[in-house]
C-alpha atoms as a PDB file:
ATOM      1  CA  MET A   1      72.473  27.825-194.360  1.00  0.00           C
ATOM      2  CA  TYR A   2      68.877  26.720-193.790  1.00  0.00           C
ATOM      3  CA  GLU A   3      65.788  28.850-193.223  1.00  0.00           C
ATOM      4  CA  ALA A   4      62.755  27.697-191.237  1.00  0.00           C
ATOM      5  CA  HIS A   5      59.786  29.144-189.389  1.00  0.00           C
ATOM      6  CA  LEU A   6      58.244  28.317-186.035  1.00  0.00           C
ATOM      7  CA  VAL A   7      55.240  26.025-186.277  1.00  0.00           C
ATOM      8  CA  GLN A   8      54.683  25.140-182.639  1.00  0.00           C
ATOM      9  CA  LYS A   9      56.065  26.104-179.231  1.00  0.00           C
ATOM     10  CA  GLN A  10      54.960  23.764-176.458  1.00  0.00           C
ATOM     11  CA  GLU A  11      55.657  24.354-172.784  1.00  0.00           C
ATOM     12  CA  LEU A  12      56.717  20.997-171.333  1.00  0.00           C
ATOM     13  CA  THR A  13      57.408  22.644-167.964  1.00  0.00           C
ATOM     14  CA  PRO A  14      57.613  26.316-166.924  1.00  0.00           C
ATOM     15  CA  THR A  15      61.320  26.222-167.863  1.00  0.00           C
ATOM     16  CA  VAL A  16      61.449  23.750-170.776  1.00  0.00           C
ATOM     17  CA  LEU A  17      60.081  24.304-174.291  1.00  0.00           C
ATOM     18  CA  LEU A  18      59.661  21.870-177.167  1.00  0.00           C
ATOM     19  CA  THR A  19      59.811  23.872-180.406  1.00  0.00           C
ATOM     20  CA  ARG A  20      59.025  22.677-183.912  1.00  0.00           C
ATOM     21  CA  PHE A  21      60.223  24.468-187.048  1.00  0.00           C
ATOM     22  CA  ALA A  22      59.258  23.796-190.665  1.00  0.00           C
ATOM     23  CA  LEU A  23      61.893  24.310-193.331  1.00  0.00           C
ATOM     24  CA  GLU A  24      61.055  26.728-196.102  1.00  0.00           C
ATOM     25  CA  ALA A  25      59.678  25.275-199.341  1.00  0.00           C
ATOM     26  CA  GLY A  26      62.079  23.067-201.265  1.00  0.00           C
ATOM     27  CA  GLN A  27      64.544  22.599-198.411  1.00  0.00           C
ATOM     28  CA  LYS A  28      65.372  19.276-196.777  1.00  0.00           C
ATOM     29  CA  PHE A  29      67.585  18.868-193.724  1.00  0.00           C
ATOM     30  CA  ILE A  30      69.423  15.539-193.696  1.00  0.00           C
ATOM     31  CA  PHE A  31      71.112  14.569-190.437  1.00  0.00           C
ATOM     32  CA  LYS A  32      71.854  11.649-188.134  1.00  0.00           C
ATOM     33  CA  SER A  33      70.418  11.196-184.651  1.00  0.00           C
ATOM     34  CA  GLY A  34      72.754  12.726-182.079  1.00  0.00           C
ATOM     35  CA  GLN A  35      73.876  15.660-184.220  1.00  0.00           C
ATOM     36  CA  TYR A  36      73.239  19.350-183.551  1.00  0.00           C
ATOM     37  CA  ILE A  37      72.690  22.649-185.341  1.00  0.00           C
ATOM     38  CA  LEU A  38      74.097  26.148-184.926  1.00  0.00           C
ATOM     39  CA  LEU A  39      71.189  28.567-184.574  1.00  0.00           C
ATOM     40  CA  LYS A  40      71.742  32.202-185.602  1.00  0.00           C
ATOM     41  CA  ILE A  41      70.009  34.670-183.294  1.00  0.00           C
ATOM     42  CA  THR A  42      69.729  38.338-184.269  1.00  0.00           C
ATOM     43  CA  LEU A  43      69.663  40.647-181.252  1.00  0.00           C
ATOM     44  CA  PRO A  44      67.670  43.905-181.110  1.00  0.00           C
ATOM     45  CA  ASP A  45      70.879  45.885-181.773  1.00  0.00           C
ATOM     46  CA  GLY A  46      71.508  43.894-184.957  1.00  0.00           C
ATOM     47  CA  GLN A  47      74.285  41.753-183.537  1.00  0.00           C
ATOM     48  CA  VAL A  48      74.155  38.091-184.609  1.00  0.00           C
ATOM     49  CA  VAL A  49      75.132  35.323-182.181  1.00  0.00           C
ATOM     50  CA  GLU A  50      75.272  31.561-182.717  1.00  0.00           C
ATOM     51  CA  ARG A  51      74.219  28.867-180.248  1.00  0.00           C
ATOM     52  CA  PRO A  52      74.370  25.054-180.596  1.00  0.00           C
ATOM     53  CA  PHE A  53      71.239  22.938-180.066  1.00  0.00           C
ATOM     54  CA  SER A  54      70.936  19.167-180.201  1.00  0.00           C
ATOM     55  CA  ILE A  55      68.268  17.975-182.611  1.00  0.00           C
ATOM     56  CA  ALA A  56      65.341  16.350-180.797  1.00  0.00           C
ATOM     57  CA  SER A  57      63.384  15.140-183.837  1.00  0.00           C
ATOM     58  CA  SER A  58      63.643  11.983-185.903  1.00  0.00           C
ATOM     59  CA  PRO A  59      66.139  12.003-188.795  1.00  0.00           C
ATOM     60  CA  HIS A  60      63.291  10.758-190.959  1.00  0.00           C
ATOM     61  CA  GLN A  61      61.581  14.168-190.571  1.00  0.00           C
ATOM     62  CA  GLN A  62      63.617  15.978-193.210  1.00  0.00           C
ATOM     63  CA  GLN A  63      61.310  18.968-193.644  1.00  0.00           C
ATOM     64  CA  GLU A  64      60.939  19.773-189.946  1.00  0.00           C
ATOM     65  CA  ILE A  65      63.242  20.098-186.977  1.00  0.00           C
ATOM     66  CA  GLU A  66      62.498  20.024-183.251  1.00  0.00           C
ATOM     67  CA  LEU A  67      64.571  21.517-180.429  1.00  0.00           C
ATOM     68  CA  LEU A  68      64.354  21.315-176.639  1.00  0.00           C
ATOM     69  CA  ILE A  69      65.034  24.641-174.950  1.00  0.00           C
ATOM     70  CA  ARG A  70      65.885  25.258-171.306  1.00  0.00           C
ATOM     71  CA  LEU A  71      64.682  28.730-170.258  1.00  0.00           C
ATOM     72  CA  GLN A  72      66.842  30.656-167.827  1.00  0.00           C
ATOM     73  CA  SER A  73      65.566  33.652-165.850  1.00  0.00           C
ATOM     74  CA  THR A  74      67.681  35.931-168.072  1.00  0.00           C
ATOM     75  CA  GLY A  75      69.834  35.488-171.147  1.00  0.00           C
ATOM     76  CA  ILE A  76      69.946  36.034-174.904  1.00  0.00           C
ATOM     77  CA  VAL A  77      68.671  32.581-175.855  1.00  0.00           C
ATOM     78  CA  SER A  78      65.955  32.415-173.207  1.00  0.00           C
ATOM     79  CA  ASP A  79      64.639  35.886-174.089  1.00  0.00           C
ATOM     80  CA  PHE A  80      64.641  34.963-177.785  1.00  0.00           C
ATOM     81  CA  PHE A  81      62.614  31.768-177.356  1.00  0.00           C
ATOM     82  CA  ARG A  82      60.340  33.209-174.682  1.00  0.00           C
ATOM     83  CA  THR A  83      59.056  35.837-177.147  1.00  0.00           C
ATOM     84  CA  LEU A  84      59.211  33.721-180.319  1.00  0.00           C
ATOM     85  CA  LEU A  85      55.874  33.649-182.174  1.00  0.00           C
ATOM     86  CA  PRO A  86      54.505  31.158-184.737  1.00  0.00           C
ATOM     87  CA  GLY A  87      55.635  32.074-188.223  1.00  0.00           C
ATOM     88  CA  THR A  88      58.868  33.721-187.041  1.00  0.00           C
ATOM     89  CA  LYS A  89      61.760  32.738-189.298  1.00  0.00           C
ATOM     90  CA  ILE A  90      65.112  31.435-188.110  1.00  0.00           C
ATOM     91  CA  ASN A  91      68.393  30.555-189.808  1.00  0.00           C
ATOM     92  CA  PHE A  92      70.676  27.711-188.848  1.00  0.00           C
ATOM     93  CA  SER A  93      73.610  25.696-190.140  1.00  0.00           C
ATOM     94  CA  GLY A  94      74.480  22.032-189.731  1.00  0.00           C
ATOM     95  CA  PRO A  95      74.298  19.216-189.093  1.00  0.00           C
ATOM     96  CA  MET A  96      77.339  18.977-186.842  1.00  0.00           C
ATOM     97  CA  GLY A  97      78.751  16.581-184.264  1.00  0.00           C
ATOM     98  CA  ARG A  98      79.785  12.936-184.007  1.00  0.00           C
ATOM     99  CA  PHE A  99      77.660  11.857-181.044  1.00  0.00           C
ATOM    100  CA  LEU A 100      76.171   8.970-183.015  1.00  0.00           C
ATOM    101  CA  LEU A 101      74.963   5.442-182.321  1.00  0.00           C
ATOM    102  CA  GLN A 102      77.992   3.164-182.496  1.00  0.00           C
ATOM    103  CA  SER A 103      76.270  -0.214-182.709  1.00  0.00           C
ATOM    104  CA  GLU A 104      72.823  -1.644-183.322  1.00  0.00           C
ATOM    105  CA  VAL A 105      73.620  -5.124-181.996  1.00  0.00           C
ATOM    106  CA  ARG A 106      74.793  -4.227-178.492  1.00  0.00           C
ATOM    107  CA  PRO A 107      72.305  -3.303-175.708  1.00  0.00           C
ATOM    108  CA  ILE A 108      71.924   0.460-175.265  1.00  0.00           C
ATOM    109  CA  HIS A 109      71.590   2.537-172.090  1.00  0.00           C
ATOM    110  CA  PHE A 110      70.913   6.255-172.476  1.00  0.00           C
ATOM    111  CA  ILE A 111      71.594   8.461-169.423  1.00  0.00           C
ATOM    112  CA  ALA A 112      70.278  12.013-169.764  1.00  0.00           C
ATOM    113  CA  SER A 113      69.976  15.039-167.534  1.00  0.00           C
ATOM    114  CA  GLY A 114      67.385  17.719-168.313  1.00  0.00           C
ATOM    115  CA  VAL A 115      67.317  18.871-171.937  1.00  0.00           C
ATOM    116  CA  GLY A 116      70.231  16.496-172.508  1.00  0.00           C
ATOM    117  CA  ILE A 117      67.492  14.057-173.468  1.00  0.00           C
ATOM    118  CA  ALA A 118      67.148  15.847-176.845  1.00  0.00           C
ATOM    119  CA  PRO A 119      69.544  13.655-178.907  1.00  0.00           C
ATOM    120  CA  PHE A 120      68.175  10.512-177.222  1.00  0.00           C
ATOM    121  CA  ARG A 121      64.627  11.463-178.196  1.00  0.00           C
ATOM    122  CA  SER A 122      65.858  11.605-181.784  1.00  0.00           C
ATOM    123  CA  MET A 123      67.599   8.232-181.452  1.00  0.00           C
ATOM    124  CA  LEU A 124      64.582   6.597-179.785  1.00  0.00           C
ATOM    125  CA  ASN A 125      62.246   7.849-182.502  1.00  0.00           C
ATOM    126  CA  ASP A 126      64.574   6.351-185.096  1.00  0.00           C
ATOM    127  CA  LEU A 127      65.190   3.035-183.315  1.00  0.00           C
ATOM    128  CA  LEU A 128      61.706   2.332-181.923  1.00  0.00           C
ATOM    129  CA  SER A 129      59.180   4.146-184.112  1.00  0.00           C
ATOM    130  CA  VAL A 130      60.767   3.807-187.555  1.00  0.00           C
ATOM    131  CA  ARG A 131      63.249   0.937-187.722  1.00  0.00           C
ATOM    132  CA  ARG A 132      61.813  -1.026-184.790  1.00  0.00           C
ATOM    133  CA  VAL A 133      65.046  -2.679-183.682  1.00  0.00           C
ATOM    134  CA  ASP A 134      64.811  -5.460-181.095  1.00  0.00           C
ATOM    135  CA  ILE A 135      67.961  -4.852-179.026  1.00  0.00           C
ATOM    136  CA  PRO A 136      67.414  -3.973-175.339  1.00  0.00           C
ATOM    137  CA  ILE A 137      67.218  -0.174-174.833  1.00  0.00           C
ATOM    138  CA  GLN A 138      67.080   1.518-171.436  1.00  0.00           C
ATOM    139  CA  LEU A 139      66.727   5.224-170.602  1.00  0.00           C
ATOM    140  CA  SER A 140      67.654   6.786-167.241  1.00  0.00           C
ATOM    141  CA  PHE A 141      66.299  10.339-167.176  1.00  0.00           C
ATOM    142  CA  VAL A 142      67.456  12.733-164.445  1.00  0.00           C
ATOM    143  CA  LYS A 143      64.980  15.600-164.152  1.00  0.00           C
ATOM    144  CA  GLU A 144      62.839  17.566-161.727  1.00  0.00           C
ATOM    145  CA  SER A 145      59.752  15.793-160.424  1.00  0.00           C
ATOM    146  CA  SER A 146      57.227  17.900-162.360  1.00  0.00           C
ATOM    147  CA  PRO A 147      55.753  16.245-165.482  1.00  0.00           C
ATOM    148  CA  TRP A 148      57.218  16.940-168.921  1.00  0.00           C
ATOM    149  CA  ALA A 149      53.835  16.851-170.680  1.00  0.00           C
ATOM    150  CA  SER A 150      53.987  15.235-174.122  1.00  0.00           C
ATOM    151  CA  LEU A 151      57.506  13.865-173.624  1.00  0.00           C
ATOM    152  CA  ASP A 152      56.304  11.758-170.698  1.00  0.00           C
ATOM    153  CA  ALA A 153      53.475  10.497-172.907  1.00  0.00           C
ATOM    154  CA  GLU A 154      55.939   9.519-175.642  1.00  0.00           C
ATOM    155  CA  LEU A 155      57.970   7.400-173.238  1.00  0.00           C
ATOM    156  CA  VAL A 156      54.846   5.641-171.984  1.00  0.00           C
ATOM    157  CA  SER A 157      53.771   4.961-175.569  1.00  0.00           C
ATOM    158  CA  TRP A 158      57.132   3.415-176.473  1.00  0.00           C
ATOM    159  CA  VAL A 159      57.020   1.151-173.420  1.00  0.00           C
ATOM    160  CA  GLU A 160      53.542  -0.022-174.389  1.00  0.00           C
ATOM    161  CA  LYS A 161      54.531  -0.727-177.993  1.00  0.00           C
ATOM    162  CA  CYS A 162      58.132  -1.956-177.610  1.00  0.00           C
ATOM    163  CA  ARG A 163      58.969  -4.824-175.272  1.00  0.00           C
ATOM    164  CA  ASN A 164      62.681  -4.084-175.618  1.00  0.00           C
ATOM    165  CA  PHE A 165      62.417  -0.552-174.178  1.00  0.00           C
ATOM    166  CA  GLY A 166      62.260   0.613-170.587  1.00  0.00           C
ATOM    167  CA  TYR A 167      62.904   3.851-168.742  1.00  0.00           C
ATOM    168  CA  SER A 168      63.216   5.264-165.254  1.00  0.00           C
ATOM    169  CA  TYR A 169      63.040   8.759-163.826  1.00  0.00           C
ATOM    170  CA  ILE A 170      65.547   9.968-161.285  1.00  0.00           C
ATOM    171  CA  HIS A 171      64.347  13.032-159.390  1.00  0.00           C
ATOM    172  CA  PRO A 172      67.084  14.863-157.453  1.00  0.00           C
ATOM    173  CA  SER A 173      65.783  16.265-154.186  1.00  0.00           C
ATOM    174  CA  GLY A 174      66.437  19.861-153.153  1.00  0.00           C
ATOM    175  CA  ASP A 175      68.313  22.615-154.914  1.00  0.00           C
ATOM    176  CA  ILE A 176      71.705  20.961-154.397  1.00  0.00           C
ATOM    177  CA  VAL A 177      71.870  17.674-156.290  1.00  0.00           C
ATOM    178  CA  ASP A 178      73.431  14.737-154.452  1.00  0.00           C
ATOM    179  CA  THR A 179      75.190  13.270-157.481  1.00  0.00           C
ATOM    180  CA  THR A 180      76.279  10.180-155.567  1.00  0.00           C
ATOM    181  CA  ALA A 181      72.643   9.334-154.912  1.00  0.00           C
ATOM    182  CA  VAL A 182      71.767   9.980-158.553  1.00  0.00           C
ATOM    183  CA  TRP A 183      74.314   7.533-159.917  1.00  0.00           C
ATOM    184  CA  ALA A 184      73.500   4.923-157.286  1.00  0.00           C
ATOM    185  CA  ARG A 185      69.956   4.726-158.677  1.00  0.00           C
ATOM    186  CA  ILE A 186      71.069   3.852-162.204  1.00  0.00           C
ATOM    187  CA  LEU A 187      70.967   0.106-162.842  1.00  0.00           C
ATOM    188  CA  LEU A 188      73.285  -1.420-165.416  1.00  0.00           C
ATOM    189  CA  ASN A 189      71.806  -4.758-166.417  1.00  0.00           C
ATOM    190  CA  ASN A 190      74.236  -6.033-169.045  1.00  0.00           C
ATOM    191  CA  PRO A 191      78.058  -5.791-169.109  1.00  0.00           C
ATOM    192  CA  ARG A 192      77.955  -5.644-172.927  1.00  0.00           C
ATOM    193  CA  THR A 193      75.878  -2.464-172.876  1.00  0.00           C
ATOM    194  CA  HIS A 194      76.911   0.657-174.766  1.00  0.00           C
ATOM    195  CA  VAL A 195      76.250   3.661-172.519  1.00  0.00           C
ATOM    196  CA  TYR A 196      75.507   7.144-173.881  1.00  0.00           C
ATOM    197  CA  LEU A 197      75.669  10.238-171.650  1.00  0.00           C
ATOM    198  CA  CYS A 198      74.224  13.681-172.315  1.00  0.00           C
ATOM    199  CA  GLY A 199      73.780  16.697-170.048  1.00  0.00           C
ATOM    200  CA  ALA A 200      75.853  19.447-168.481  1.00  0.00           C
ATOM    201  CA  PRO A 201      79.653  18.932-168.685  1.00  0.00           C
ATOM    202  CA  THR A 202      79.932  18.197-164.954  1.00  0.00           C
ATOM    203  CA  PHE A 203      77.121  15.621-165.205  1.00  0.00           C
ATOM    204  CA  VAL A 204      78.847  13.864-168.096  1.00  0.00           C
ATOM    205  CA  ALA A 205      82.265  13.898-166.394  1.00  0.00           C
ATOM    206  CA  GLU A 206      80.853  12.477-163.145  1.00  0.00           C
ATOM    207  CA  GLY A 207      78.837   9.899-165.059  1.00  0.00           C
ATOM    208  CA  LYS A 208      81.815   8.681-167.032  1.00  0.00           C
ATOM    209  CA  ALA A 209      83.918   8.348-163.871  1.00  0.00           C
ATOM    210  CA  TRP A 210      81.114   6.417-162.153  1.00  0.00           C
ATOM    211  CA  LEU A 211      80.641   4.093-165.138  1.00  0.00           C
ATOM    212  CA  LEU A 212      84.351   3.296-165.200  1.00  0.00           C
ATOM    213  CA  GLN A 213      84.157   2.448-161.489  1.00  0.00           C
ATOM    214  CA  GLN A 214      81.315   0.037-162.290  1.00  0.00           C
ATOM    215  CA  GLY A 215      83.559  -1.799-164.729  1.00  0.00           C
ATOM    216  CA  ILE A 216      82.132  -0.381-167.956  1.00  0.00           C
ATOM    217  CA  PRO A 217      85.091  -0.139-170.371  1.00  0.00           C
ATOM    218  CA  ALA A 218      85.967   3.326-171.684  1.00  0.00           C
ATOM    219  CA  GLU A 219      85.370   2.190-175.257  1.00  0.00           C
ATOM    220  CA  ALA A 220      81.736   1.422-174.392  1.00  0.00           C
ATOM    221  CA  ILE A 221      80.997   4.931-173.023  1.00  0.00           C
ATOM    222  CA  PHE A 222      79.963   7.657-175.468  1.00  0.00           C
ATOM    223  CA  HIS A 223      79.259  11.373-175.049  1.00  0.00           C
ATOM    224  CA  GLU A 224      79.476  14.644-176.993  1.00  0.00           C
ATOM    225  CA  ASN A 225      83.006  16.059-176.759  1.00  0.00           C
END
């Protein structure tokens, strides 16, 4: 079990937070990009619940951890993070999960919906900012049209610094998402590409079916089970 405290809570949009926690003195958290933690949340009545969160920070940051949080209008997790103040301590366990990069020689295409970009942010930090690999990397990011503050700036910075990286936004129109239109706007440029999907279960299931229809082999499609 790890203990950390909130250092920063940034509002990327009115419903999305980027939170940064510092581990308590002497602790290091070693993980691989794509893994997640189980956060323990203590409710006002003393009950403790656990919730999984993908890690959004680089694996080279072993004394800090960053999480992307989607705020709902009501709910245990949303209420917890909405009122969380700097210095507040949390407990979590991990790392967990096997949603990991499978190859560093094949082109990569990340397809994310909403806060499903969290593990890809970790992977991009590792691949582009630290190890500076030269394989082609593409990101297709399905999100609402409003800016995501510092995350948008990070993507722009990577494009400017890394010739092998590119990204595109896909903005669904209206409250009901036309998934057919979403997938039609994703361009697959290389048949050798490894494709990684992350988002809501229905998004991942539809994406995998669409990729198979495009001729991408099942063994080249990866997602969290």
